[in-house]
Amino acid sequence: MSRRGRYIIDTYAWVEYLIGSRAGARAKQYIESGSAITPSIVLTELCKWFLREIEAGRRQEYEMRQTMSFIELTTEVLPLDKSLAIKSGEIDFLMKKRVKGWPIADSIIYATAKEHAAKIITGDPHFKGLEDVIFIE
């Protein structure tokens, strides 16, 4: 995978892509670029989203399995290793002072972007005003 123009695909971008929204159409070019990264924490958040959708009768379990496979085939899925976990903790400590409601998952996503010199593709308002973020809202 090319190191030039790498993109972190946030949970927001994946959900919009999956529901076929206008924001999802904007995310598509980054998701299908061949230079996309999905942090493993995003899989956790997507699983939770799918389970809520399945429980509400809007999705089926097979769709969740297909999507997880698609993500693995289309993007580089990066695990949370020791170094990234420590960097995420540092970011979380600082960001909780600056952004109301900043979640630890966003710290992991932001640390992953920093570690891989990548831009975050999202519409999540927590990321507003941060460098290296492309908003798709």
Protein backbone atom coordinates (compact mmCIF):
# COMPACT_ATOMS: atom_id res chain seq x y z
CA MET A 1 0.00 0.00 0.00
CA SER A 2 1.31 3.43 -0.92
CA ARG A 3 2.67 5.66 1.85
CA ARG A 4 1.67 8.74 -0.18
CA GLY A 5 -1.73 10.16 0.67
CA ARG A 6 -2.82 7.73 3.36
CA TYR A 7 -6.26 8.01 4.91
CA ILE A 8 -7.64 6.86 8.25
CA ILE A 9 -11.27 5.84 7.82
CA ASP A 10 -13.17 6.79 10.97
CA THR A 11 -16.32 5.01 12.14
CA TYR A 12 -18.41 8.01 11.05
CA ALA A 13 -17.10 7.68 7.48
CA TRP A 14 -17.72 3.92 7.40
CA VAL A 15 -21.30 4.26 8.66
CA GLU A 16 -22.08 6.99 6.12
CA TYR A 17 -20.54 4.85 3.36
CA LEU A 18 -22.61 1.84 4.44
CA ILE A 19 -25.91 3.73 4.55
CA GLY A 20 -25.21 5.34 1.19
CA SER A 21 -25.50 8.96 2.31
CA ARG A 22 -24.03 12.00 0.57
CA ALA A 23 -21.25 12.04 3.16
CA GLY A 24 -20.73 8.35 2.40
CA ALA A 25 -20.38 9.14 -1.30
CA ARG A 26 -17.61 11.59 -0.37
CA ALA A 27 -15.95 8.95 1.84
CA LYS A 28 -16.01 6.41 -1.00
CA GLN A 29 -13.05 7.91 -2.87
CA TYR A 30 -10.88 7.59 0.24
CA ILE A 31 -12.14 4.15 1.27
CA GLU A 32 -11.54 2.75 -2.20
CA SER A 33 -8.28 4.67 -2.80
CA GLY A 34 -5.96 1.76 -2.05
CA SER A 35 -4.37 3.97 0.63
CA ALA A 36 -6.95 3.60 3.38
CA ILE A 37 -6.31 2.48 6.95
CA THR A 38 -8.94 1.28 9.39
CA PRO A 39 -7.84 1.29 13.04
CA SER A 40 -9.00 -1.87 14.82
CA ILE A 41 -11.03 0.22 17.30
CA VAL A 42 -13.22 1.22 14.34
CA LEU A 43 -14.14 -2.44 13.87
CA THR A 44 -15.28 -2.47 17.51
CA GLU A 45 -17.45 0.59 16.97
CA LEU A 46 -18.85 -0.77 13.69
CA CYS A 47 -19.71 -4.09 15.33
CA LYS A 48 -21.65 -2.20 18.00
CA TRP A 49 -23.42 -0.12 15.33
CA PHE A 50 -24.33 -3.25 13.36
CA LEU A 51 -25.67 -5.03 16.44
CA ARG A 52 -27.96 -2.07 17.20
CA GLU A 53 -29.09 -2.07 13.55
CA ILE A 54 -29.69 -5.84 13.63
CA GLU A 55 -31.65 -5.58 16.87
CA ALA A 56 -33.82 -2.85 15.31
CA GLY A 57 -34.44 -5.04 12.23
CA ARG A 58 -32.64 -2.70 9.81
CA ARG A 59 -29.66 -4.99 9.09
CA GLN A 60 -28.84 -8.68 9.02
CA GLU A 61 -25.90 -10.46 10.67
CA TYR A 62 -24.55 -11.61 7.30
CA GLU A 63 -24.20 -7.92 6.31
CA MET A 64 -21.96 -7.35 9.31
CA ARG A 65 -19.76 -10.32 8.35
CA GLN A 66 -19.59 -9.17 4.72
CA THR A 67 -18.70 -5.63 5.75
CA MET A 68 -15.91 -6.77 8.08
CA SER A 69 -14.47 -8.88 5.25
CA PHE A 70 -14.79 -5.96 2.83
CA ILE A 71 -12.95 -3.68 5.26
CA GLU A 72 -10.10 -6.19 5.55
CA LEU A 73 -9.86 -6.53 1.77
CA THR A 74 -10.19 -2.83 0.97
CA THR A 75 -8.17 -1.20 3.75
CA GLU A 76 -5.21 -1.94 5.96
CA VAL A 77 -6.56 -2.82 9.40
CA LEU A 78 -4.12 -1.69 12.07
CA PRO A 79 -4.15 -3.21 15.55
CA LEU A 80 -3.63 -1.27 18.75
CA ASP A 81 -0.09 -2.17 19.79
CA LYS A 82 1.85 -1.05 22.87
CA SER A 83 3.39 2.05 21.29
CA LEU A 84 0.09 3.20 19.81
CA ALA A 85 -1.71 2.53 23.11
CA ILE A 86 0.73 4.78 24.98
CA LYS A 87 0.48 7.53 22.35
CA SER A 88 -3.33 7.24 22.51
CA GLY A 89 -3.24 7.71 26.28
CA GLU A 90 -1.15 10.86 25.90
CA ILE A 91 -3.53 12.24 23.28
CA ASP A 92 -6.57 11.30 25.38
CA PHE A 93 -5.18 13.12 28.42
CA LEU A 94 -4.68 16.31 26.40
CA MET A 95 -7.82 16.16 24.28
CA LYS A 96 -10.19 15.62 27.21
CA LYS A 97 -9.05 19.06 28.41
CA ARG A 98 -9.81 20.67 25.02
CA VAL A 99 -12.85 18.86 23.59
CA LYS A 100 -16.00 18.17 25.60
CA GLY A 101 -17.02 14.51 25.45
CA TRP A 102 -13.81 13.37 23.69
CA PRO A 103 -13.90 9.53 23.67
CA ILE A 104 -10.90 7.22 24.05
CA ALA A 105 -11.71 5.67 20.64
CA ASP A 106 -11.08 9.05 19.01
CA SER A 107 -7.72 9.22 20.78
CA ILE A 108 -6.77 5.85 19.27
CA ILE A 109 -7.92 6.98 15.82
CA TYR A 110 -6.06 10.29 16.10
CA ALA A 111 -2.89 8.57 17.37
CA THR A 112 -3.07 6.11 14.46
CA ALA A 113 -3.31 9.01 12.01
CA LYS A 114 -0.31 10.73 13.60
CA GLU A 115 1.72 7.51 13.64
CA HIS A 116 1.09 6.89 9.94
CA ALA A 117 1.14 10.49 8.70
CA ALA A 118 -2.42 10.03 7.47
CA LYS A 119 -5.47 12.26 7.18
CA ILE A 120 -8.62 11.28 9.07
CA ILE A 121 -11.79 10.94 6.97
CA THR A 122 -14.74 11.80 9.21
CA GLY A 123 -17.69 14.00 9.99
CA ASP A 124 -17.39 13.47 13.74
CA PRO A 125 -17.59 16.90 15.39
CA HIS A 126 -14.96 15.89 17.97
CA PHE A 127 -12.35 16.23 15.20
CA LYS A 128 -13.39 19.76 14.13
CA GLY A 129 -10.47 22.14 14.07
CA LEU A 130 -7.79 19.46 14.27
CA GLU A 131 -5.07 19.24 11.67
CA ASP A 132 -5.02 16.49 9.06
CA VAL A 133 -8.78 15.94 9.13
CA ILE A 134 -10.96 15.83 6.01
CA PHE A 135 -14.62 16.44 6.85
CA ILE A 136 -17.20 14.64 4.72
CA GLU A 137 -20.38 15.95 6.39
